[in-house]
Structure formats: structure tokens, C-alpha cells
Amino acid sequence: MNVVVAVDGGGSKTDAVVADAATGAELARRRGPGCSHHAVGIPRAVEVVDAVVTEALAAAGASAPDVVHAGCYLTAIDLDDEQSAMHAALSAHSWARRLVVDNDVFALLRAGTDAPDAAVVVCGTGINGAAIRADGAAARILALGQRSGDWGGASGIAEEVLWYAARAEDGRGEPTRLRDELLLWTGRASVRDVITDVHTGRLDVAAWWSRVPDVMRLAHEGDPAARALVERQGDEIGALAGSLLARLGLASAEVPVVLGGGIAASGDELLLTSTTAQLRTRAPHAHLVVCRRPPVDGALDLALAAVPR
């Protein structure tokens, strides 16, 4: 048989699908742990991808010689050097003889739309985005955090919660329920204790990343600081999408903007209202599409499209 392999690899999970290359019929789907090379290094990231693909091939009744194309769309492939290094490392495995390696935002984009002109913003742990044009041109950001101009995602919001809480406790800022919420999250008696324990390594801000829904709840209950955070995140998503479209000359076009990730795809009304308002000023004819398909389905669409007919 001839099969394609599609991989969507993130920080918390790695999904692989094997499908018939001629018909597109899915033959097997498997999931493994996260494969961010920023977190575990390239050798370990490659081990994770190889293990998930090997398991999926076995479940499909296929083997490495049957693979006519493999598309691996992985988190943290932000620089050309990272792409080259991961491609070289994966190519050492027999199932990856015909291989594409790229950032996972492209799998999410294709999971959300088949439009030739489109943009995507993923906002979950962090924030990233891309835009494509029918002639093959693409626009990206470095997505390296604050140093590359990014703000938001659960990591950014968690840091801002601590900032608002600190200023509420010592009087530099306005009172906010974010202070009490932070003390509930940490079990500490004061924000001063929280700050001290973060500084000395006894607390990890990453432990609060899953608490963004609490911030959204407080925003809807009227807390000004929480509302400001949610609205700022929506503005940032809209600004990123609009800037990407403008770089490709698509600011005036009717194009979809795919939203993915736990925050962007949450459906939160405040967030989407801010995103829509910001996008309208930058790309007035663009429209939001909240992605409901798993990104690995988009990776599969890309893999099947790469097979010569």
C-alpha cells in the first residue's frame, strides 16, 4: 500500500495519522507526549515523533517503505536553523524519506479553512500566527515571546495577574479580585509571599497557566483588571492577524482568520468582541473562524495535497 503520515506536535501532545495516499481514508491515529524541542531538546523530540509514527504505522498495517510522504508540523519550529535541524534529525528514520517539517500553525490553519488566502492565530500557552497567499507567499512572526514583540497566551496572562495583584496589595494600583484569586491558586497568605516564592523558585508561574478560565470568569463578573486582560488579549489576536494579512497585501481582501489554541478558540464573548473590533480596523473584510477540527487533520490535508497525482 501507499500511505501518508501526518504529525501535529505540540508542547503537551503529539498526534499522528496514517492515511491511504490515494483515497485519503484514515487508517490509524495515535497520540504521544509533547515534542517541543525547546523543552526536551531535539533528540528527545525526534524520539517522541518517531515512536508515535511507528505505532500509528503498525496499527495501520503499514511499514516504512509504504510511506510516500510525511508531513510533520511541530511546535517551536520558528527559525530556519530549527527547521533544518529537525528535518535532518527526523530524516534519519526510514519512514521519513520524503518529509516536510514546518511549524504547527500551518496544520491549524488548514484544519480551519481550505481557502488559498488566509491567516491563523494560535493563542494557548503563548501566541503565534501566520498568513498564506494563493501564490505560495507566507508571513510569519518569530514567536519568541516578549523579545520578539509578542504578548499573551496563558504565560503572558499569568505574569500580568501577578503584576495586578502586587499593585493591588501595596496600593500602587486599584483593588482587584485577581489578588484573592491568586492567593487561592497558590495557598499563600499574601501576594508578597507569592512574589518571594516565585523569586526563590519555590513557586512556578507556569502552574497558573491553566487558570485563564478563572480570569475570564472574573472579567465577566465585572472585575476591571481581569476585563482589561481579556480585552487586551483579544486586541493582540486581532492586531497579529491584521498585521500578517497586511504584509501579504491582503488587508482589503475577504479572507478567513482561523483561531486556535485554548484561549483564542475558547469562544469567550469579551475576547472575540475585542478581536473583531481590532481586526475590523486593520482588515475590515476578514472574518473569524474558530477551528473545531484537530490540527492533525489539517496536517493530513497538507500531506495528502503534497502527494503527486
C-alpha atoms as a PDB file:
ATOM      1  CA  MET A   1       0.000   0.000   0.000  1.00  0.00           C
ATOM      2  CA  ASN A   2       0.941   3.660  -0.355  1.00  0.00           C
ATOM      3  CA  VAL A   3       0.283   5.784   2.722  1.00  0.00           C
ATOM      4  CA  VAL A   4       0.921   9.289   4.012  1.00  0.00           C
ATOM      5  CA  VAL A   5       1.905  10.206   7.541  1.00  0.00           C
ATOM      6  CA  ALA A   6       0.744  13.425   9.191  1.00  0.00           C
ATOM      7  CA  VAL A   7       2.002  14.706  12.536  1.00  0.00           C
ATOM      8  CA  ASP A   8       0.882  17.609  14.697  1.00  0.00           C
ATOM      9  CA  GLY A   9       3.329  18.025  17.548  1.00  0.00           C
ATOM     10  CA  GLY A  10       2.749  20.433  20.424  1.00  0.00           C
ATOM     11  CA  GLY A  11       4.103  21.119  23.852  1.00  0.00           C
ATOM     12  CA  SER A  12       1.682  18.763  25.613  1.00  0.00           C
ATOM     13  CA  LYS A  13       0.833  16.127  22.986  1.00  0.00           C
ATOM     14  CA  THR A  14       1.901  14.699  19.647  1.00  0.00           C
ATOM     15  CA  ASP A  15      -0.730  13.338  17.247  1.00  0.00           C
ATOM     16  CA  ALA A  16      -0.014  11.147  14.220  1.00  0.00           C
ATOM     17  CA  VAL A  17      -2.360   9.941  11.498  1.00  0.00           C
ATOM     18  CA  VAL A  18      -1.717   7.385   8.760  1.00  0.00           C
ATOM     19  CA  ALA A  19      -3.975   7.516   5.716  1.00  0.00           C
ATOM     20  CA  ASP A  20      -4.277   5.884   2.311  1.00  0.00           C
ATOM     21  CA  ALA A  21      -2.395   8.099  -0.136  1.00  0.00           C
ATOM     22  CA  ALA A  22      -4.854   7.543  -2.974  1.00  0.00           C
ATOM     23  CA  THR A  23      -8.201   7.839  -1.214  1.00  0.00           C
ATOM     24  CA  GLY A  24      -7.348   9.831   1.904  1.00  0.00           C
ATOM     25  CA  ALA A  25      -9.066   7.211   4.038  1.00  0.00           C
ATOM     26  CA  GLU A  26      -7.736   7.261   7.596  1.00  0.00           C
ATOM     27  CA  LEU A  27      -6.087   4.005   8.618  1.00  0.00           C
ATOM     28  CA  ALA A  28      -4.818   4.759  12.123  1.00  0.00           C
ATOM     29  CA  ARG A  29      -4.449   7.581  14.623  1.00  0.00           C
ATOM     30  CA  ARG A  30      -2.190   7.649  17.666  1.00  0.00           C
ATOM     31  CA  ARG A  31      -1.163  10.167  20.361  1.00  0.00           C
ATOM     32  CA  GLY A  32       2.012  10.592  22.378  1.00  0.00           C
ATOM     33  CA  PRO A  33       3.534  13.159  24.764  1.00  0.00           C
ATOM     34  CA  GLY A  34       4.677  16.635  23.811  1.00  0.00           C
ATOM     35  CA  CYS A  35       7.610  17.142  21.470  1.00  0.00           C
ATOM     36  CA  SER A  36       8.701  20.758  21.921  1.00  0.00           C
ATOM     37  CA  HIS A  37      12.420  20.771  21.252  1.00  0.00           C
ATOM     38  CA  HIS A  38      12.659  23.933  23.373  1.00  0.00           C
ATOM     39  CA  ALA A  39      11.546  21.875  26.367  1.00  0.00           C
ATOM     40  CA  VAL A  40      13.118  18.465  25.748  1.00  0.00           C
ATOM     41  CA  GLY A  41      15.811  19.026  23.102  1.00  0.00           C
ATOM     42  CA  ILE A  42      15.872  17.852  19.504  1.00  0.00           C
ATOM     43  CA  PRO A  43      16.966  14.228  20.155  1.00  0.00           C
ATOM     44  CA  ARG A  44      14.130  13.617  22.604  1.00  0.00           C
ATOM     45  CA  ALA A  45      11.616  15.465  20.418  1.00  0.00           C
ATOM     46  CA  VAL A  46      12.555  13.223  17.491  1.00  0.00           C
ATOM     47  CA  GLU A  47      12.212  10.126  19.688  1.00  0.00           C
ATOM     48  CA  VAL A  48       8.663  11.150  20.586  1.00  0.00           C
ATOM     49  CA  VAL A  49       7.646  11.766  16.972  1.00  0.00           C
ATOM     50  CA  ASP A  50       9.250   8.535  15.770  1.00  0.00           C
ATOM     51  CA  ALA A  51       7.558   6.469  18.480  1.00  0.00           C
ATOM     52  CA  VAL A  52       4.090   7.872  17.720  1.00  0.00           C
ATOM     53  CA  VAL A  53       4.511   7.450  13.954  1.00  0.00           C
ATOM     54  CA  THR A  54       5.876   3.919  14.309  1.00  0.00           C
ATOM     55  CA  GLU A  55       2.921   2.967  16.498  1.00  0.00           C
ATOM     56  CA  ALA A  56       0.447   4.503  14.030  1.00  0.00           C
ATOM     57  CA  LEU A  57       2.044   2.692  11.079  1.00  0.00           C
ATOM     58  CA  ALA A  58       1.833  -0.640  12.901  1.00  0.00           C
ATOM     59  CA  ALA A  59      -1.813  -0.015  13.761  1.00  0.00           C
ATOM     60  CA  ALA A  60      -2.497   0.766  10.088  1.00  0.00           C
ATOM     61  CA  GLY A  61      -0.870  -2.453   8.941  1.00  0.00           C
ATOM     62  CA  ALA A  62       1.753  -0.422   7.095  1.00  0.00           C
ATOM     63  CA  SER A  63       5.521  -0.118   7.279  1.00  0.00           C
ATOM     64  CA  ALA A  64       8.136   2.470   6.463  1.00  0.00           C
ATOM     65  CA  PRO A  65       8.534   1.516   2.751  1.00  0.00           C
ATOM     66  CA  ASP A  66       4.818   2.230   2.252  1.00  0.00           C
ATOM     67  CA  VAL A  67       5.170   5.912   3.221  1.00  0.00           C
ATOM     68  CA  VAL A  68       5.126   8.134   0.114  1.00  0.00           C
ATOM     69  CA  HIS A  69       5.030  11.390   2.068  1.00  0.00           C
ATOM     70  CA  ALA A  70       5.308  12.501   5.681  1.00  0.00           C
ATOM     71  CA  GLY A  71       4.325  15.950   6.922  1.00  0.00           C
ATOM     72  CA  CYS A  72       5.434  16.902  10.425  1.00  0.00           C
ATOM     73  CA  TYR A  73       4.019  20.181  11.740  1.00  0.00           C
ATOM     74  CA  LEU A  74       5.689  20.849  15.058  1.00  0.00           C
ATOM     75  CA  THR A  75       5.719  23.461  17.757  1.00  0.00           C
ATOM     76  CA  ALA A  76       8.715  25.777  18.146  1.00  0.00           C
ATOM     77  CA  ILE A  77       9.876  25.485  14.533  1.00  0.00           C
ATOM     78  CA  ASP A  78      10.304  29.248  14.364  1.00  0.00           C
ATOM     79  CA  LEU A  79      13.757  29.703  12.839  1.00  0.00           C
ATOM     80  CA  ASP A  80      15.282  28.319   9.635  1.00  0.00           C
ATOM     81  CA  ASP A  81      18.012  26.645  11.679  1.00  0.00           C
ATOM     82  CA  GLU A  82      15.420  24.890  13.836  1.00  0.00           C
ATOM     83  CA  GLN A  83      13.570  23.683  10.769  1.00  0.00           C
ATOM     84  CA  SER A  84      16.758  22.375   9.167  1.00  0.00           C
ATOM     85  CA  ALA A  85      17.946  20.658  12.333  1.00  0.00           C
ATOM     86  CA  MET A  86      14.626  18.934  12.963  1.00  0.00           C
ATOM     87  CA  HIS A  87      14.341  17.901   9.305  1.00  0.00           C
ATOM     88  CA  ALA A  88      17.814  16.382   9.374  1.00  0.00           C
ATOM     89  CA  ALA A  89      17.176  14.532  12.636  1.00  0.00           C
ATOM     90  CA  LEU A  90      13.819  13.117  11.517  1.00  0.00           C
ATOM     91  CA  SER A  91      15.179  12.153   8.089  1.00  0.00           C
ATOM     92  CA  ALA A  92      17.370   9.553   9.758  1.00  0.00           C
ATOM     93  CA  HIS A  93      14.245   7.433  10.250  1.00  0.00           C
ATOM     94  CA  SER A  94      13.143   5.225   7.378  1.00  0.00           C
ATOM     95  CA  TRP A  95       9.521   6.406   7.325  1.00  0.00           C
ATOM     96  CA  ALA A  96      10.685   9.992   6.760  1.00  0.00           C
ATOM     97  CA  ARG A  97      12.458   9.604   3.416  1.00  0.00           C
ATOM     98  CA  ARG A  98      10.019  12.084   1.800  1.00  0.00           C
ATOM     99  CA  LEU A  99       9.490  14.634   4.525  1.00  0.00           C
ATOM    100  CA  VAL A 100       8.194  18.147   5.135  1.00  0.00           C
ATOM    101  CA  VAL A 101       8.854  19.786   8.518  1.00  0.00           C
ATOM    102  CA  ASP A 102       7.181  23.074   9.386  1.00  0.00           C
ATOM    103  CA  ASN A 103       5.569  24.985  12.229  1.00  0.00           C
ATOM    104  CA  ASP A 104       2.328  23.610  13.634  1.00  0.00           C
ATOM    105  CA  VAL A 105       0.460  26.862  12.878  1.00  0.00           C
ATOM    106  CA  PHE A 106       0.156  25.696   9.258  1.00  0.00           C
ATOM    107  CA  ALA A 107      -1.599  22.497  10.315  1.00  0.00           C
ATOM    108  CA  LEU A 108      -4.026  24.536  12.408  1.00  0.00           C
ATOM    109  CA  LEU A 109      -4.649  26.946   9.538  1.00  0.00           C
ATOM    110  CA  ARG A 110      -5.527  24.133   7.146  1.00  0.00           C
ATOM    111  CA  ALA A 111      -7.686  22.439   9.783  1.00  0.00           C
ATOM    112  CA  GLY A 112      -9.742  25.621   9.924  1.00  0.00           C
ATOM    113  CA  THR A 113     -10.049  26.528   6.259  1.00  0.00           C
ATOM    114  CA  ASP A 114      -9.174  25.394   2.750  1.00  0.00           C
ATOM    115  CA  ALA A 115      -9.085  28.988   1.474  1.00  0.00           C
ATOM    116  CA  PRO A 116      -5.928  29.803  -0.530  1.00  0.00           C
ATOM    117  CA  ASP A 117      -5.658  33.226   1.136  1.00  0.00           C
ATOM    118  CA  ALA A 118      -5.971  33.034   4.923  1.00  0.00           C
ATOM    119  CA  ALA A 119      -4.444  33.804   8.303  1.00  0.00           C
ATOM    120  CA  VAL A 120      -4.224  31.887  11.548  1.00  0.00           C
ATOM    121  CA  VAL A 121      -3.563  32.872  15.150  1.00  0.00           C
ATOM    122  CA  VAL A 122      -2.978  30.283  17.820  1.00  0.00           C
ATOM    123  CA  CYS A 123      -3.233  31.532  21.387  1.00  0.00           C
ATOM    124  CA  GLY A 124      -2.841  28.943  24.111  1.00  0.00           C
ATOM    125  CA  THR A 125       0.284  28.760  26.242  1.00  0.00           C
ATOM    126  CA  GLY A 126       1.746  31.528  24.091  1.00  0.00           C
ATOM    127  CA  ILE A 127       0.766  33.248  20.859  1.00  0.00           C
ATOM    128  CA  ASN A 128       1.793  32.641  17.263  1.00  0.00           C
ATOM    129  CA  GLY A 129       0.397  33.248  13.820  1.00  0.00           C
ATOM    130  CA  ALA A 130       0.886  33.033  10.079  1.00  0.00           C
ATOM    131  CA  ALA A 131      -0.774  34.082   6.854  1.00  0.00           C
ATOM    132  CA  ILE A 132      -0.653  32.499   3.406  1.00  0.00           C
ATOM    133  CA  ARG A 133      -1.443  33.682  -0.100  1.00  0.00           C
ATOM    134  CA  ALA A 134      -2.563  31.685  -3.132  1.00  0.00           C
ATOM    135  CA  ASP A 135       0.779  32.181  -4.897  1.00  0.00           C
ATOM    136  CA  GLY A 136       2.632  30.436  -2.065  1.00  0.00           C
ATOM    137  CA  ALA A 137       3.816  33.515  -0.184  1.00  0.00           C
ATOM    138  CA  ALA A 138       3.655  33.350   3.601  1.00  0.00           C
ATOM    139  CA  ALA A 139       4.069  35.768   6.509  1.00  0.00           C
ATOM    140  CA  ARG A 140       5.250  34.685   9.941  1.00  0.00           C
ATOM    141  CA  ILE A 141       6.391  36.092  13.260  1.00  0.00           C
ATOM    142  CA  LEU A 142       9.338  34.803  15.269  1.00  0.00           C
ATOM    143  CA  ALA A 143       7.078  33.893  18.213  1.00  0.00           C
ATOM    144  CA  LEU A 144       9.930  34.041  20.719  1.00  0.00           C
ATOM    145  CA  GLY A 145       7.979  35.852  23.399  1.00  0.00           C
ATOM    146  CA  GLN A 146       8.385  39.415  24.600  1.00  0.00           C
ATOM    147  CA  ARG A 147      11.761  39.786  22.904  1.00  0.00           C
ATOM    148  CA  SER A 148      10.066  39.351  19.514  1.00  0.00           C
ATOM    149  CA  GLY A 149       7.185  41.671  20.309  1.00  0.00           C
ATOM    150  CA  ASP A 150       4.682  39.020  21.423  1.00  0.00           C
ATOM    151  CA  TRP A 151       2.285  39.306  24.308  1.00  0.00           C
ATOM    152  CA  GLY A 152      -0.304  36.973  25.720  1.00  0.00           C
ATOM    153  CA  GLY A 153      -1.247  33.383  25.937  1.00  0.00           C
ATOM    154  CA  ALA A 154      -1.562  31.758  29.334  1.00  0.00           C
ATOM    155  CA  SER A 155       2.081  32.513  30.120  1.00  0.00           C
ATOM    156  CA  GLY A 156       1.663  36.242  29.491  1.00  0.00           C
ATOM    157  CA  ILE A 157      -1.656  36.482  31.304  1.00  0.00           C
ATOM    158  CA  ALA A 158      -0.273  34.658  34.366  1.00  0.00           C
ATOM    159  CA  GLU A 159       2.559  37.181  34.664  1.00  0.00           C
ATOM    160  CA  GLU A 160       0.084  40.067  34.391  1.00  0.00           C
ATOM    161  CA  VAL A 161      -2.145  38.590  37.105  1.00  0.00           C
ATOM    162  CA  LEU A 162       0.826  38.689  39.470  1.00  0.00           C
ATOM    163  CA  TRP A 163       1.555  42.308  38.430  1.00  0.00           C
ATOM    164  CA  TYR A 164      -2.025  43.455  39.054  1.00  0.00           C
ATOM    165  CA  ALA A 165      -2.190  41.542  42.348  1.00  0.00           C
ATOM    166  CA  ALA A 166       1.072  43.025  43.629  1.00  0.00           C
ATOM    167  CA  ARG A 167      -0.065  46.577  42.915  1.00  0.00           C
ATOM    168  CA  ALA A 168      -3.486  45.941  44.435  1.00  0.00           C
ATOM    169  CA  GLU A 169      -1.909  44.677  47.658  1.00  0.00           C
ATOM    170  CA  ASP A 170       0.546  47.537  48.187  1.00  0.00           C
ATOM    171  CA  GLY A 171      -1.711  50.345  46.982  1.00  0.00           C
ATOM    172  CA  ARG A 172       0.045  51.328  43.780  1.00  0.00           C
ATOM    173  CA  GLY A 173      -2.904  50.008  41.785  1.00  0.00           C
ATOM    174  CA  GLU A 174      -6.642  49.639  42.089  1.00  0.00           C
ATOM    175  CA  PRO A 175      -8.227  46.786  44.091  1.00  0.00           C
ATOM    176  CA  THR A 176      -8.862  43.664  42.033  1.00  0.00           C
ATOM    177  CA  ARG A 177     -10.278  40.230  42.759  1.00  0.00           C
ATOM    178  CA  LEU A 178      -7.295  38.852  40.874  1.00  0.00           C
ATOM    179  CA  ARG A 179      -5.370  39.269  44.138  1.00  0.00           C
ATOM    180  CA  ASP A 180      -7.698  36.957  46.066  1.00  0.00           C
ATOM    181  CA  GLU A 181      -7.805  34.545  43.143  1.00  0.00           C
ATOM    182  CA  LEU A 182      -4.023  34.341  43.052  1.00  0.00           C
ATOM    183  CA  LEU A 183      -3.904  33.550  46.772  1.00  0.00           C
ATOM    184  CA  LEU A 184      -6.414  30.747  46.198  1.00  0.00           C
ATOM    185  CA  TRP A 185      -4.272  29.330  43.396  1.00  0.00           C
ATOM    186  CA  THR A 186      -1.115  29.346  45.487  1.00  0.00           C
ATOM    187  CA  GLY A 187      -2.315  28.801  49.047  1.00  0.00           C
ATOM    188  CA  ARG A 188      -0.205  31.751  50.185  1.00  0.00           C
ATOM    189  CA  ALA A 189      -1.301  34.334  52.757  1.00  0.00           C
ATOM    190  CA  SER A 190      -0.144  37.388  50.821  1.00  0.00           C
ATOM    191  CA  VAL A 191       0.990  38.425  47.366  1.00  0.00           C
ATOM    192  CA  ARG A 192       4.308  39.331  48.968  1.00  0.00           C
ATOM    193  CA  ASP A 193       4.713  35.660  49.868  1.00  0.00           C
ATOM    194  CA  VAL A 194       3.819  34.675  46.305  1.00  0.00           C
ATOM    195  CA  ILE A 195       6.385  37.062  44.835  1.00  0.00           C
ATOM    196  CA  THR A 196       9.082  35.861  47.235  1.00  0.00           C
ATOM    197  CA  ASP A 197       8.388  32.201  46.465  1.00  0.00           C
ATOM    198  CA  VAL A 198       8.392  32.822  42.698  1.00  0.00           C
ATOM    199  CA  HIS A 199      11.677  34.702  43.035  1.00  0.00           C
ATOM    200  CA  THR A 200      13.319  31.919  45.033  1.00  0.00           C
ATOM    201  CA  GLY A 201      11.965  29.125  42.864  1.00  0.00           C
ATOM    202  CA  ARG A 202       9.510  27.631  45.361  1.00  0.00           C
ATOM    203  CA  LEU A 203       6.594  28.613  43.080  1.00  0.00           C
ATOM    204  CA  ASP A 204       6.419  28.305  39.305  1.00  0.00           C
ATOM    205  CA  VAL A 205       4.245  30.768  37.391  1.00  0.00           C
ATOM    206  CA  ALA A 206       3.627  28.005  34.847  1.00  0.00           C
ATOM    207  CA  ALA A 207       1.399  26.323  37.426  1.00  0.00           C
ATOM    208  CA  TRP A 208      -1.143  29.110  36.855  1.00  0.00           C
ATOM    209  CA  TRP A 209      -1.357  28.763  33.073  1.00  0.00           C
ATOM    210  CA  SER A 210      -4.417  26.552  33.362  1.00  0.00           C
ATOM    211  CA  ARG A 211      -6.202  29.266  35.394  1.00  0.00           C
ATOM    212  CA  VAL A 212      -7.014  31.568  32.466  1.00  0.00           C
ATOM    213  CA  PRO A 213     -10.704  30.493  32.630  1.00  0.00           C
ATOM    214  CA  ASP A 214     -10.774  31.958  36.159  1.00  0.00           C
ATOM    215  CA  VAL A 215      -9.528  35.270  34.782  1.00  0.00           C
ATOM    216  CA  MET A 216     -12.214  35.186  32.087  1.00  0.00           C
ATOM    217  CA  ARG A 217     -14.866  34.460  34.709  1.00  0.00           C
ATOM    218  CA  LEU A 218     -13.793  37.446  36.808  1.00  0.00           C
ATOM    219  CA  ALA A 219     -13.808  39.604  33.682  1.00  0.00           C
ATOM    220  CA  HIS A 220     -17.435  38.688  33.005  1.00  0.00           C
ATOM    221  CA  GLU A 221     -18.268  39.337  36.665  1.00  0.00           C
ATOM    222  CA  GLY A 222     -17.049  42.911  36.272  1.00  0.00           C
ATOM    223  CA  ASP A 223     -13.540  42.976  37.700  1.00  0.00           C
ATOM    224  CA  PRO A 224     -11.816  45.847  35.837  1.00  0.00           C
ATOM    225  CA  ALA A 225      -8.314  44.345  35.848  1.00  0.00           C
ATOM    226  CA  ALA A 226      -9.497  40.935  34.661  1.00  0.00           C
ATOM    227  CA  ARG A 227     -11.594  42.561  31.955  1.00  0.00           C
ATOM    228  CA  ALA A 228      -8.619  44.637  30.833  1.00  0.00           C
ATOM    229  CA  LEU A 229      -6.536  41.473  30.485  1.00  0.00           C
ATOM    230  CA  VAL A 230      -9.135  39.610  28.416  1.00  0.00           C
ATOM    231  CA  GLU A 231      -9.772  42.608  26.180  1.00  0.00           C
ATOM    232  CA  ARG A 232      -6.042  43.192  25.746  1.00  0.00           C
ATOM    233  CA  GLN A 233      -5.635  39.585  24.675  1.00  0.00           C
ATOM    234  CA  GLY A 234      -8.418  39.968  22.124  1.00  0.00           C
ATOM    235  CA  ASP A 235      -6.810  43.151  20.784  1.00  0.00           C
ATOM    236  CA  GLU A 236      -3.497  41.358  20.444  1.00  0.00           C
ATOM    237  CA  ILE A 237      -5.016  38.477  18.482  1.00  0.00           C
ATOM    238  CA  GLY A 238      -6.710  40.909  16.101  1.00  0.00           C
ATOM    239  CA  ALA A 239      -3.564  43.011  15.732  1.00  0.00           C
ATOM    240  CA  LEU A 240      -1.454  39.971  14.912  1.00  0.00           C
ATOM    241  CA  ALA A 241      -3.887  38.677  12.303  1.00  0.00           C
ATOM    242  CA  GLY A 242      -4.269  42.103  10.698  1.00  0.00           C
ATOM    243  CA  SER A 243      -0.526  42.704  10.533  1.00  0.00           C
ATOM    244  CA  LEU A 244       0.099  39.334   8.874  1.00  0.00           C
ATOM    245  CA  LEU A 245      -2.565  39.964   6.239  1.00  0.00           C
ATOM    246  CA  ALA A 246      -1.180  43.450   5.550  1.00  0.00           C
ATOM    247  CA  ARG A 247       2.299  42.027   4.941  1.00  0.00           C
ATOM    248  CA  LEU A 248       0.846  39.884   2.137  1.00  0.00           C
ATOM    249  CA  GLY A 249      -1.259  42.671   0.668  1.00  0.00           C
ATOM    250  CA  LEU A 250      -4.468  41.040   1.893  1.00  0.00           C
ATOM    251  CA  ALA A 251      -5.659  43.739   4.294  1.00  0.00           C
ATOM    252  CA  SER A 252      -8.590  44.609   1.994  1.00  0.00           C
ATOM    253  CA  ALA A 253      -9.439  41.053   0.968  1.00  0.00           C
ATOM    254  CA  GLU A 254     -12.269  38.825   2.162  1.00  0.00           C
ATOM    255  CA  VAL A 255     -10.260  36.195   3.984  1.00  0.00           C
ATOM    256  CA  PRO A 256     -10.770  33.838   6.919  1.00  0.00           C
ATOM    257  CA  VAL A 257      -8.738  34.235  10.100  1.00  0.00           C
ATOM    258  CA  VAL A 258      -8.567  30.885  11.850  1.00  0.00           C
ATOM    259  CA  LEU A 259      -8.399  30.924  15.645  1.00  0.00           C
ATOM    260  CA  GLY A 260      -6.934  28.017  17.597  1.00  0.00           C
ATOM    261  CA  GLY A 261      -5.482  27.239  20.988  1.00  0.00           C
ATOM    262  CA  GLY A 262      -7.259  27.107  24.318  1.00  0.00           C
ATOM    263  CA  ILE A 263      -7.651  30.882  24.648  1.00  0.00           C
ATOM    264  CA  ALA A 264      -8.307  32.010  21.075  1.00  0.00           C
ATOM    265  CA  ALA A 265     -10.743  29.177  20.397  1.00  0.00           C
ATOM    266  CA  SER A 266     -12.494  29.444  23.777  1.00  0.00           C
ATOM    267  CA  GLY A 267     -15.430  31.336  22.305  1.00  0.00           C
ATOM    268  CA  ASP A 268     -15.235  33.908  25.111  1.00  0.00           C
ATOM    269  CA  GLU A 269     -17.512  36.807  24.162  1.00  0.00           C
ATOM    270  CA  LEU A 270     -15.315  39.586  25.558  1.00  0.00           C
ATOM    271  CA  LEU A 271     -12.252  38.171  23.849  1.00  0.00           C
ATOM    272  CA  LEU A 272     -13.943  37.755  20.467  1.00  0.00           C
ATOM    273  CA  THR A 273     -15.534  41.205  20.644  1.00  0.00           C
ATOM    274  CA  SER A 274     -12.114  42.794  21.154  1.00  0.00           C
ATOM    275  CA  THR A 275     -10.545  40.623  18.462  1.00  0.00           C
ATOM    276  CA  THR A 276     -13.259  41.526  15.963  1.00  0.00           C
ATOM    277  CA  ALA A 277     -13.016  45.251  16.723  1.00  0.00           C
ATOM    278  CA  GLN A 278      -9.244  45.295  16.299  1.00  0.00           C
ATOM    279  CA  LEU A 279      -9.353  43.200  13.140  1.00  0.00           C
ATOM    280  CA  ARG A 280     -12.008  45.461  11.624  1.00  0.00           C
ATOM    281  CA  THR A 281      -9.635  48.422  11.821  1.00  0.00           C
ATOM    282  CA  ARG A 282      -6.829  46.524  10.105  1.00  0.00           C
ATOM    283  CA  ALA A 283      -8.560  44.092   7.728  1.00  0.00           C
ATOM    284  CA  PRO A 284     -12.217  45.150   7.533  1.00  0.00           C
ATOM    285  CA  HIS A 285     -13.351  42.327   5.263  1.00  0.00           C
ATOM    286  CA  ALA A 286     -11.669  39.481   7.141  1.00  0.00           C
ATOM    287  CA  HIS A 287     -13.812  37.159   9.241  1.00  0.00           C
ATOM    288  CA  LEU A 288     -13.023  34.936  12.210  1.00  0.00           C
ATOM    289  CA  VAL A 289     -13.235  31.139  12.040  1.00  0.00           C
ATOM    290  CA  VAL A 290     -12.914  29.261  15.332  1.00  0.00           C
ATOM    291  CA  CYS A 291     -11.229  25.969  14.454  1.00  0.00           C
ATOM    292  CA  ARG A 292     -13.140  22.916  15.650  1.00  0.00           C
ATOM    293  CA  ARG A 293     -11.118  20.221  13.847  1.00  0.00           C
ATOM    294  CA  PRO A 294      -7.977  18.839  15.494  1.00  0.00           C
ATOM    295  CA  PRO A 295      -4.843  20.381  13.951  1.00  0.00           C
ATOM    296  CA  VAL A 296      -3.572  16.951  12.911  1.00  0.00           C
ATOM    297  CA  ASP A 297      -6.473  16.823  10.444  1.00  0.00           C
ATOM    298  CA  GLY A 298      -5.026  19.926   8.823  1.00  0.00           C
ATOM    299  CA  ALA A 299      -1.613  18.257   8.767  1.00  0.00           C
ATOM    300  CA  LEU A 300      -3.235  15.318   6.983  1.00  0.00           C
ATOM    301  CA  ASP A 301      -4.846  17.614   4.409  1.00  0.00           C
ATOM    302  CA  LEU A 302      -1.427  19.131   3.701  1.00  0.00           C
ATOM    303  CA  ALA A 303       0.234  15.722   3.468  1.00  0.00           C
ATOM    304  CA  LEU A 304      -2.352  14.403   1.012  1.00  0.00           C
ATOM    305  CA  ALA A 305      -2.078  17.555  -1.105  1.00  0.00           C
ATOM    306  CA  ALA A 306       1.693  17.011  -1.374  1.00  0.00           C
ATOM    307  CA  VAL A 307       1.336  13.577  -2.999  1.00  0.00           C
ATOM    308  CA  PRO A 308       1.731  13.757  -6.814  1.00  0.00           C
ATOM    309  CA  ARG A 309      -1.446  12.752  -8.676  1.00  0.00           C
END
